Amino acid sequence: MSNTTIWIHGFHAVEAAFDEGSVVQIWLNDQRLDKRAQAFLAKLKDQKVPVNMVNQKMLESKTGEEARHQGIAAEVRVMDAKNENFLFELLEEQSSPLLLILDGVTDPHNVGACLRSAEAFGVHAVIAPRDRACGLTPVVRKISSGSSERVPFVEVTNLARTIDDLKERGVWLAGLAGEATETIYDANLTGAMAIIMGSEGDGMRRLTKEACDFLLKIPMEGKIESLNVSVATGVVLSESHRQRCHKRKK
């Protein structure tokens, strides 16, 4: 855990952070004295976490006036984004890494949801470009429900160069694209693999797509042409996880 701290709000988020031991201090609305608040205060009683009873205006100074803070906010220690050096150290430790590359995904809700799927399906690291993409913002951390603290998030300066480096280290690159002829159910998604998801509107950039070893699509029924990037990420990672589990059982 780094020394970086951010403020989060809402009982579910604060309680989860407390259970993980990352809370530095808590601010609670002095008018919030219901059973849930009392139960949480009782839980904190024997812990060395400062609790500050504050008014609504002070609380909103940390959360913003529009936030649905439920009368509670907390300062928490968070994991910083990693860099290329961390990524290559990880590759030396993992014989069959599973990586998720987000090529220019800008919506923090999508990035947070992708991190949740990444944790659920065994991704070793999520990679994103440092520029023109969403990083580890407070919204991302909130939407990820703690996954941003458990799955390494690697920000790279030059995604094309990082992709070339991954290839040199034996990692296969599979990109999701609507025009692909092969489906995720026909492809082999085991072994050292990086799955690439494009941005919300334009998909993968041209250079990223050209660097892929193969392109895949999700077969769909009905008139739907595409899925939200975070939903599609969950579908692809789920299939990769199924294949990897099946391979381990053989």
C-alpha atoms as a PDB file:
ATOM      1  CA  MET A   1       0.000   0.000   0.000  1.00  0.00           C
ATOM      2  CA  SER A   2       1.291   3.451  -0.886  1.00  0.00           C
ATOM      3  CA  ASN A   3       1.125   6.705   1.067  1.00  0.00           C
ATOM      4  CA  THR A   4      -1.394   8.122  -1.419  1.00  0.00           C
ATOM      5  CA  THR A   5      -4.804   8.817   0.094  1.00  0.00           C
ATOM      6  CA  ILE A   6      -8.199   9.746  -1.342  1.00  0.00           C
ATOM      7  CA  TRP A   7     -11.631  10.409   0.138  1.00  0.00           C
ATOM      8  CA  ILE A   8     -14.429   7.923  -0.463  1.00  0.00           C
ATOM      9  CA  HIS A   9     -18.040   8.037   0.696  1.00  0.00           C
ATOM     10  CA  GLY A  10     -21.049   5.823   1.291  1.00  0.00           C
ATOM     11  CA  PHE A  11     -21.422   3.167   3.979  1.00  0.00           C
ATOM     12  CA  HIS A  12     -20.707   0.190   1.732  1.00  0.00           C
ATOM     13  CA  ALA A  13     -17.476   1.689   0.364  1.00  0.00           C
ATOM     14  CA  VAL A  14     -16.274   2.888   3.782  1.00  0.00           C
ATOM     15  CA  GLU A  15     -17.054  -0.413   5.517  1.00  0.00           C
ATOM     16  CA  ALA A  16     -15.236  -2.360   2.786  1.00  0.00           C
ATOM     17  CA  ALA A  17     -12.186  -0.102   3.108  1.00  0.00           C
ATOM     18  CA  PHE A  18     -12.257  -0.497   6.895  1.00  0.00           C
ATOM     19  CA  ASP A  19     -12.359  -4.286   6.610  1.00  0.00           C
ATOM     20  CA  GLU A  20      -9.290  -4.127   4.335  1.00  0.00           C
ATOM     21  CA  GLY A  21      -7.418  -1.956   6.862  1.00  0.00           C
ATOM     22  CA  SER A  22      -6.918   1.011   4.535  1.00  0.00           C
ATOM     23  CA  VAL A  23      -8.909   3.681   6.420  1.00  0.00           C
ATOM     24  CA  VAL A  24      -6.934   6.637   7.811  1.00  0.00           C
ATOM     25  CA  GLN A  25      -9.849   8.588   9.313  1.00  0.00           C
ATOM     26  CA  ILE A  26     -13.639   8.753   9.147  1.00  0.00           C
ATOM     27  CA  TRP A  27     -16.006  11.708   9.000  1.00  0.00           C
ATOM     28  CA  LEU A  28     -19.582  10.978  10.102  1.00  0.00           C
ATOM     29  CA  ASN A  29     -22.542  13.350   9.957  1.00  0.00           C
ATOM     30  CA  ASP A  30     -23.363  14.285  13.542  1.00  0.00           C
ATOM     31  CA  GLN A  31     -27.058  13.931  12.697  1.00  0.00           C
ATOM     32  CA  ARG A  32     -26.627  10.356  11.462  1.00  0.00           C
ATOM     33  CA  LEU A  33     -27.412   8.339  14.604  1.00  0.00           C
ATOM     34  CA  ASP A  34     -29.507   5.477  13.219  1.00  0.00           C
ATOM     35  CA  LYS A  35     -28.859   1.767  13.833  1.00  0.00           C
ATOM     36  CA  ARG A  36     -26.438   1.361  10.934  1.00  0.00           C
ATOM     37  CA  ALA A  37     -24.314   4.283  12.069  1.00  0.00           C
ATOM     38  CA  GLN A  38     -24.366   3.108  15.692  1.00  0.00           C
ATOM     39  CA  ALA A  39     -23.394  -0.422  14.679  1.00  0.00           C
ATOM     40  CA  PHE A  40     -20.451   0.874  12.657  1.00  0.00           C
ATOM     41  CA  LEU A  41     -19.324   3.147  15.490  1.00  0.00           C
ATOM     42  CA  ALA A  42     -19.411   0.174  17.844  1.00  0.00           C
ATOM     43  CA  LYS A  43     -17.260  -1.753  15.375  1.00  0.00           C
ATOM     44  CA  LEU A  44     -14.748   1.097  15.345  1.00  0.00           C
ATOM     45  CA  LYS A  45     -14.615   1.445  19.124  1.00  0.00           C
ATOM     46  CA  ASP A  46     -11.639  -0.830  19.685  1.00  0.00           C
ATOM     47  CA  GLN A  47      -9.794   0.244  16.535  1.00  0.00           C
ATOM     48  CA  LYS A  48      -7.284   3.074  16.206  1.00  0.00           C
ATOM     49  CA  VAL A  49      -9.208   4.873  13.478  1.00  0.00           C
ATOM     50  CA  PRO A  50     -10.115   8.506  14.269  1.00  0.00           C
ATOM     51  CA  VAL A  51     -13.833   9.264  13.889  1.00  0.00           C
ATOM     52  CA  ASN A  52     -14.801  12.916  13.441  1.00  0.00           C
ATOM     53  CA  MET A  53     -18.427  13.927  13.975  1.00  0.00           C
ATOM     54  CA  VAL A  54     -19.037  16.775  11.528  1.00  0.00           C
ATOM     55  CA  ASN A  55     -21.943  18.732  10.111  1.00  0.00           C
ATOM     56  CA  GLN A  56     -23.404  18.330   6.641  1.00  0.00           C
ATOM     57  CA  LYS A  57     -21.452  21.239   5.147  1.00  0.00           C
ATOM     58  CA  MET A  58     -18.105  19.901   6.347  1.00  0.00           C
ATOM     59  CA  LEU A  59     -18.931  16.448   5.009  1.00  0.00           C
ATOM     60  CA  GLU A  60     -19.806  17.873   1.608  1.00  0.00           C
ATOM     61  CA  SER A  61     -16.439  19.636   1.514  1.00  0.00           C
ATOM     62  CA  LYS A  62     -14.923  16.167   1.133  1.00  0.00           C
ATOM     63  CA  THR A  63     -17.559  14.485  -1.035  1.00  0.00           C
ATOM     64  CA  GLY A  64     -19.099  17.295  -3.095  1.00  0.00           C
ATOM     65  CA  GLU A  65     -22.642  18.580  -2.731  1.00  0.00           C
ATOM     66  CA  GLU A  66     -24.089  16.175  -5.303  1.00  0.00           C
ATOM     67  CA  ALA A  67     -22.564  13.018  -3.851  1.00  0.00           C
ATOM     68  CA  ARG A  68     -24.809  10.392  -2.275  1.00  0.00           C
ATOM     69  CA  HIS A  69     -22.565  10.107   0.752  1.00  0.00           C
ATOM     70  CA  GLN A  70     -25.157   8.641   3.191  1.00  0.00           C
ATOM     71  CA  GLY A  71     -23.656  10.799   5.931  1.00  0.00           C
ATOM     72  CA  ILE A  72     -20.214   9.190   5.940  1.00  0.00           C
ATOM     73  CA  ALA A  73     -16.840   9.700   4.264  1.00  0.00           C
ATOM     74  CA  ALA A  74     -13.382   8.302   4.872  1.00  0.00           C
ATOM     75  CA  GLU A  75      -9.814   9.067   3.959  1.00  0.00           C
ATOM     76  CA  VAL A  76      -8.227   5.837   2.730  1.00  0.00           C
ATOM     77  CA  ARG A  77      -4.806   4.705   1.580  1.00  0.00           C
ATOM     78  CA  VAL A  78      -4.856   3.533  -2.035  1.00  0.00           C
ATOM     79  CA  MET A  79      -2.560   1.690  -4.403  1.00  0.00           C
ATOM     80  CA  ASP A  80      -0.785   3.859  -6.949  1.00  0.00           C
ATOM     81  CA  ALA A  81      -0.796   2.979 -10.640  1.00  0.00           C
ATOM     82  CA  LYS A  82       2.163   0.803 -11.681  1.00  0.00           C
ATOM     83  CA  ASN A  83       4.587   1.356 -14.552  1.00  0.00           C
ATOM     84  CA  GLU A  84       6.271  -0.717 -17.261  1.00  0.00           C
ATOM     85  CA  ASN A  85       8.996  -1.949 -14.904  1.00  0.00           C
ATOM     86  CA  PHE A  86       6.381  -3.528 -12.649  1.00  0.00           C
ATOM     87  CA  LEU A  87       4.746  -5.162 -15.665  1.00  0.00           C
ATOM     88  CA  PHE A  88       7.927  -6.799 -16.893  1.00  0.00           C
ATOM     89  CA  GLU A  89       8.795  -8.018 -13.392  1.00  0.00           C
ATOM     90  CA  LEU A  90       5.340  -9.570 -13.260  1.00  0.00           C
ATOM     91  CA  LEU A  91       5.924 -11.354 -16.571  1.00  0.00           C
ATOM     92  CA  GLU A  92       9.088 -12.906 -15.185  1.00  0.00           C
ATOM     93  CA  GLU A  93       7.111 -14.333 -12.277  1.00  0.00           C
ATOM     94  CA  GLN A  94       4.126 -15.622 -14.275  1.00  0.00           C
ATOM     95  CA  SER A  95       4.567 -18.394 -16.831  1.00  0.00           C
ATOM     96  CA  SER A  96       1.061 -17.948 -18.277  1.00  0.00           C
ATOM     97  CA  PRO A  97      -0.049 -14.406 -17.460  1.00  0.00           C
ATOM     98  CA  LEU A  98      -3.494 -13.124 -18.341  1.00  0.00           C
ATOM     99  CA  LEU A  99      -3.466  -9.389 -19.054  1.00  0.00           C
ATOM    100  CA  LEU A 100      -6.240  -6.954 -19.936  1.00  0.00           C
ATOM    101  CA  ILE A 101      -5.368  -3.953 -22.118  1.00  0.00           C
ATOM    102  CA  LEU A 102      -7.811  -1.033 -22.271  1.00  0.00           C
ATOM    103  CA  ASP A 103      -6.982   0.929 -25.408  1.00  0.00           C
ATOM    104  CA  GLY A 104      -8.295   4.416 -24.680  1.00  0.00           C
ATOM    105  CA  VAL A 105     -11.304   3.631 -22.479  1.00  0.00           C
ATOM    106  CA  THR A 106     -12.301   7.015 -21.030  1.00  0.00           C
ATOM    107  CA  ASP A 107     -15.429   6.425 -18.937  1.00  0.00           C
ATOM    108  CA  PRO A 108     -14.449   5.840 -15.272  1.00  0.00           C
ATOM    109  CA  HIS A 109     -17.556   3.696 -14.739  1.00  0.00           C
ATOM    110  CA  ASN A 110     -16.392   1.377 -17.515  1.00  0.00           C
ATOM    111  CA  VAL A 111     -12.829   1.223 -16.192  1.00  0.00           C
ATOM    112  CA  GLY A 112     -14.096   0.461 -12.690  1.00  0.00           C
ATOM    113  CA  ALA A 113     -16.378  -2.288 -13.991  1.00  0.00           C
ATOM    114  CA  CYS A 114     -13.524  -3.736 -16.074  1.00  0.00           C
ATOM    115  CA  LEU A 115     -11.371  -3.910 -12.942  1.00  0.00           C
ATOM    116  CA  ARG A 116     -14.108  -5.843 -11.158  1.00  0.00           C
ATOM    117  CA  SER A 117     -14.266  -8.366 -14.005  1.00  0.00           C
ATOM    118  CA  ALA A 118     -10.467  -8.515 -14.087  1.00  0.00           C
ATOM    119  CA  GLU A 119     -10.352  -9.550 -10.445  1.00  0.00           C
ATOM    120  CA  ALA A 120     -13.241 -11.979 -10.802  1.00  0.00           C
ATOM    121  CA  PHE A 121     -11.632 -13.838 -13.699  1.00  0.00           C
ATOM    122  CA  GLY A 122      -8.005 -13.966 -12.631  1.00  0.00           C
ATOM    123  CA  VAL A 123      -6.357 -11.160 -14.609  1.00  0.00           C
ATOM    124  CA  HIS A 124      -2.815 -10.501 -13.388  1.00  0.00           C
ATOM    125  CA  ALA A 125      -2.713  -6.834 -14.459  1.00  0.00           C
ATOM    126  CA  VAL A 126      -4.764  -4.239 -16.315  1.00  0.00           C
ATOM    127  CA  ILE A 127      -2.825  -2.034 -18.741  1.00  0.00           C
ATOM    128  CA  ALA A 128      -3.861   1.384 -20.067  1.00  0.00           C
ATOM    129  CA  PRO A 129      -2.123   4.280 -21.816  1.00  0.00           C
ATOM    130  CA  ARG A 130      -1.257   7.214 -19.583  1.00  0.00           C
ATOM    131  CA  ASP A 131      -2.685   9.775 -22.032  1.00  0.00           C
ATOM    132  CA  ARG A 132      -6.175  10.036 -23.530  1.00  0.00           C
ATOM    133  CA  ALA A 133      -7.532   7.339 -21.253  1.00  0.00           C
ATOM    134  CA  CYS A 134      -9.051   7.102 -17.801  1.00  0.00           C
ATOM    135  CA  GLY A 135      -6.695   6.329 -14.947  1.00  0.00           C
ATOM    136  CA  LEU A 136      -7.307   5.417 -11.304  1.00  0.00           C
ATOM    137  CA  THR A 137      -9.709   8.225 -10.455  1.00  0.00           C
ATOM    138  CA  PRO A 138     -11.845   8.251  -7.280  1.00  0.00           C
ATOM    139  CA  VAL A 139     -14.865   7.250  -9.388  1.00  0.00           C
ATOM    140  CA  VAL A 140     -12.969   4.289 -10.835  1.00  0.00           C
ATOM    141  CA  ARG A 141     -11.970   3.169  -7.355  1.00  0.00           C
ATOM    142  CA  LYS A 142     -15.547   3.469  -6.085  1.00  0.00           C
ATOM    143  CA  ILE A 143     -17.077   1.570  -9.015  1.00  0.00           C
ATOM    144  CA  SER A 144     -14.423  -1.153  -8.781  1.00  0.00           C
ATOM    145  CA  SER A 145     -15.593  -2.009  -5.227  1.00  0.00           C
ATOM    146  CA  GLY A 146     -12.028  -2.586  -4.054  1.00  0.00           C
ATOM    147  CA  SER A 147     -10.710  -4.336  -7.174  1.00  0.00           C
ATOM    148  CA  SER A 148      -8.521  -1.313  -7.944  1.00  0.00           C
ATOM    149  CA  GLU A 149      -6.586  -2.150  -4.754  1.00  0.00           C
ATOM    150  CA  ARG A 150      -6.183  -5.830  -5.584  1.00  0.00           C
ATOM    151  CA  VAL A 151      -5.527  -5.888  -9.334  1.00  0.00           C
ATOM    152  CA  PRO A 152      -2.399  -3.994 -10.480  1.00  0.00           C
ATOM    153  CA  PHE A 153      -3.271  -1.120 -12.819  1.00  0.00           C
ATOM    154  CA  VAL A 154      -0.366  -0.356 -15.140  1.00  0.00           C
ATOM    155  CA  GLU A 155      -0.179   3.010 -16.895  1.00  0.00           C
ATOM    156  CA  VAL A 156       2.212   3.026 -19.870  1.00  0.00           C
ATOM    157  CA  THR A 157       3.669   5.945 -21.793  1.00  0.00           C
ATOM    158  CA  ASN A 158       3.578   4.269 -25.199  1.00  0.00           C
ATOM    159  CA  LEU A 159       1.029   1.475 -25.618  1.00  0.00           C
ATOM    160  CA  ALA A 160       2.336   0.409 -29.035  1.00  0.00           C
ATOM    161  CA  ARG A 161       5.829  -0.049 -27.622  1.00  0.00           C
ATOM    162  CA  THR A 162       4.462  -1.953 -24.630  1.00  0.00           C
ATOM    163  CA  ILE A 163       2.567  -4.284 -26.970  1.00  0.00           C
ATOM    164  CA  ASP A 164       5.782  -4.955 -28.912  1.00  0.00           C
ATOM    165  CA  ASP A 165       7.585  -5.692 -25.646  1.00  0.00           C
ATOM    166  CA  LEU A 166       4.844  -8.120 -24.627  1.00  0.00           C
ATOM    167  CA  LYS A 167       5.182  -9.949 -27.933  1.00  0.00           C
ATOM    168  CA  GLU A 168       8.931 -10.257 -27.478  1.00  0.00           C
ATOM    169  CA  ARG A 169       8.242 -11.870 -24.113  1.00  0.00           C
ATOM    170  CA  GLY A 170       5.969 -14.499 -25.637  1.00  0.00           C
ATOM    171  CA  VAL A 171       2.578 -12.941 -24.855  1.00  0.00           C
ATOM    172  CA  TRP A 172      -0.134 -13.416 -27.486  1.00  0.00           C
ATOM    173  CA  LEU A 173      -2.357 -10.444 -28.305  1.00  0.00           C
ATOM    174  CA  ALA A 174      -6.091 -10.987 -28.886  1.00  0.00           C
ATOM    175  CA  GLY A 175      -8.169  -7.936 -29.798  1.00  0.00           C
ATOM    176  CA  LEU A 176     -11.944  -7.693 -29.708  1.00  0.00           C
ATOM    177  CA  ALA A 177     -13.361  -6.324 -32.974  1.00  0.00           C
ATOM    178  CA  GLY A 178     -16.815  -6.497 -34.522  1.00  0.00           C
ATOM    179  CA  GLU A 179     -15.445  -7.320 -37.983  1.00  0.00           C
ATOM    180  CA  ALA A 180     -13.541 -10.395 -36.758  1.00  0.00           C
ATOM    181  CA  THR A 181     -14.474 -13.773 -38.226  1.00  0.00           C
ATOM    182  CA  GLU A 182     -13.330 -15.908 -35.283  1.00  0.00           C
ATOM    183  CA  THR A 183     -15.381 -15.948 -32.081  1.00  0.00           C
ATOM    184  CA  ILE A 184     -14.093 -15.987 -28.510  1.00  0.00           C
ATOM    185  CA  TYR A 185     -15.481 -19.539 -28.207  1.00  0.00           C
ATOM    186  CA  ASP A 186     -13.386 -20.810 -31.134  1.00  0.00           C
ATOM    187  CA  ALA A 187     -10.106 -19.239 -30.001  1.00  0.00           C
ATOM    188  CA  ASN A 188      -7.551 -20.613 -27.566  1.00  0.00           C
ATOM    189  CA  LEU A 189      -7.431 -18.077 -24.714  1.00  0.00           C
ATOM    190  CA  THR A 190      -5.065 -20.033 -22.474  1.00  0.00           C
ATOM    191  CA  GLY A 191      -1.332 -19.527 -22.023  1.00  0.00           C
ATOM    192  CA  ALA A 192       0.417 -16.150 -21.948  1.00  0.00           C
ATOM    193  CA  MET A 193      -2.331 -13.874 -23.243  1.00  0.00           C
ATOM    194  CA  ALA A 194      -3.274 -10.195 -23.395  1.00  0.00           C
ATOM    195  CA  ILE A 195      -6.873  -9.377 -24.281  1.00  0.00           C
ATOM    196  CA  ILE A 196      -7.313  -5.933 -25.813  1.00  0.00           C
ATOM    197  CA  MET A 197     -10.521  -3.916 -25.533  1.00  0.00           C
ATOM    198  CA  GLY A 198     -11.009  -0.720 -27.521  1.00  0.00           C
ATOM    199  CA  SER A 199     -12.540   2.595 -26.518  1.00  0.00           C
ATOM    200  CA  GLU A 200     -16.262   3.181 -26.061  1.00  0.00           C
ATOM    201  CA  GLY A 201     -16.879   4.815 -29.415  1.00  0.00           C
ATOM    202  CA  ASP A 202     -14.136   3.914 -31.872  1.00  0.00           C
ATOM    203  CA  GLY A 203     -12.840   0.595 -30.591  1.00  0.00           C
ATOM    204  CA  MET A 204      -9.157  -0.206 -30.911  1.00  0.00           C
ATOM    205  CA  ARG A 205      -6.874   2.278 -32.598  1.00  0.00           C
ATOM    206  CA  ARG A 206      -5.514   1.236 -36.004  1.00  0.00           C
ATOM    207  CA  LEU A 207      -1.959   0.572 -34.823  1.00  0.00           C
ATOM    208  CA  THR A 208      -3.224  -1.451 -31.869  1.00  0.00           C
ATOM    209  CA  LYS A 209      -5.466  -3.543 -34.100  1.00  0.00           C
ATOM    210  CA  GLU A 210      -2.641  -4.186 -36.573  1.00  0.00           C
ATOM    211  CA  ALA A 211      -0.416  -5.368 -33.727  1.00  0.00           C
ATOM    212  CA  CYS A 212      -2.882  -8.065 -32.608  1.00  0.00           C
ATOM    213  CA  ASP A 213      -2.016 -11.681 -33.336  1.00  0.00           C
ATOM    214  CA  PHE A 214      -5.698 -12.349 -33.956  1.00  0.00           C
ATOM    215  CA  LEU A 215      -9.051 -10.589 -33.745  1.00  0.00           C
ATOM    216  CA  LEU A 216     -12.113 -12.032 -32.040  1.00  0.00           C
ATOM    217  CA  LYS A 217     -15.786 -11.213 -31.722  1.00  0.00           C
ATOM    218  CA  ILE A 218     -18.595 -12.115 -29.351  1.00  0.00           C
ATOM    219  CA  PRO A 219     -21.389 -13.897 -31.242  1.00  0.00           C
ATOM    220  CA  MET A 220     -24.741 -12.267 -30.508  1.00  0.00           C
ATOM    221  CA  GLU A 221     -28.383 -12.807 -31.364  1.00  0.00           C
ATOM    222  CA  GLY A 222     -31.025 -10.187 -32.106  1.00  0.00           C
ATOM    223  CA  LYS A 223     -30.422  -6.724 -33.496  1.00  0.00           C
ATOM    224  CA  ILE A 224     -27.789  -5.609 -30.982  1.00  0.00           C
ATOM    225  CA  GLU A 225     -24.624  -4.648 -32.865  1.00  0.00           C
ATOM    226  CA  SER A 226     -22.275  -4.238 -29.907  1.00  0.00           C
ATOM    227  CA  LEU A 227     -22.017  -4.429 -26.145  1.00  0.00           C
ATOM    228  CA  ASN A 228     -20.808  -1.837 -23.673  1.00  0.00           C
ATOM    229  CA  VAL A 229     -17.038  -2.231 -23.310  1.00  0.00           C
ATOM    230  CA  SER A 230     -17.246  -3.285 -19.662  1.00  0.00           C
ATOM    231  CA  VAL A 231     -19.932  -5.877 -20.423  1.00  0.00           C
ATOM    232  CA  ALA A 232     -17.931  -7.218 -23.370  1.00  0.00           C
ATOM    233  CA  THR A 233     -14.825  -7.380 -21.174  1.00  0.00           C
ATOM    234  CA  GLY A 234     -16.681  -9.506 -18.643  1.00  0.00           C
ATOM    235  CA  VAL A 235     -17.865 -11.895 -21.373  1.00  0.00           C
ATOM    236  CA  VAL A 236     -14.395 -12.373 -22.879  1.00  0.00           C
ATOM    237  CA  LEU A 237     -12.641 -12.758 -19.531  1.00  0.00           C
ATOM    238  CA  SER A 238     -15.248 -15.249 -18.389  1.00  0.00           C
ATOM    239  CA  GLU A 239     -14.562 -17.429 -21.436  1.00  0.00           C
ATOM    240  CA  SER A 240     -10.809 -17.159 -20.917  1.00  0.00           C
ATOM    241  CA  HIS A 241     -11.249 -18.155 -17.282  1.00  0.00           C
ATOM    242  CA  ARG A 242     -13.410 -21.144 -18.277  1.00  0.00           C
ATOM    243  CA  GLN A 243     -10.773 -22.376 -20.721  1.00  0.00           C
ATOM    244  CA  ARG A 244      -7.960 -21.929 -18.226  1.00  0.00           C
ATOM    245  CA  CYS A 245      -9.828 -23.770 -15.479  1.00  0.00           C
ATOM    246  CA  HIS A 246     -10.648 -26.605 -17.881  1.00  0.00           C
ATOM    247  CA  LYS A 247      -6.998 -26.849 -18.945  1.00  0.00           C
ATOM    248  CA  ARG A 248      -5.814 -27.051 -15.325  1.00  0.00           C
ATOM    249  CA  LYS A 249      -8.214 -29.917 -14.605  1.00  0.00           C
ATOM    250  CA  LYS A 250      -6.855 -32.072 -17.422  1.00  0.00           C
END
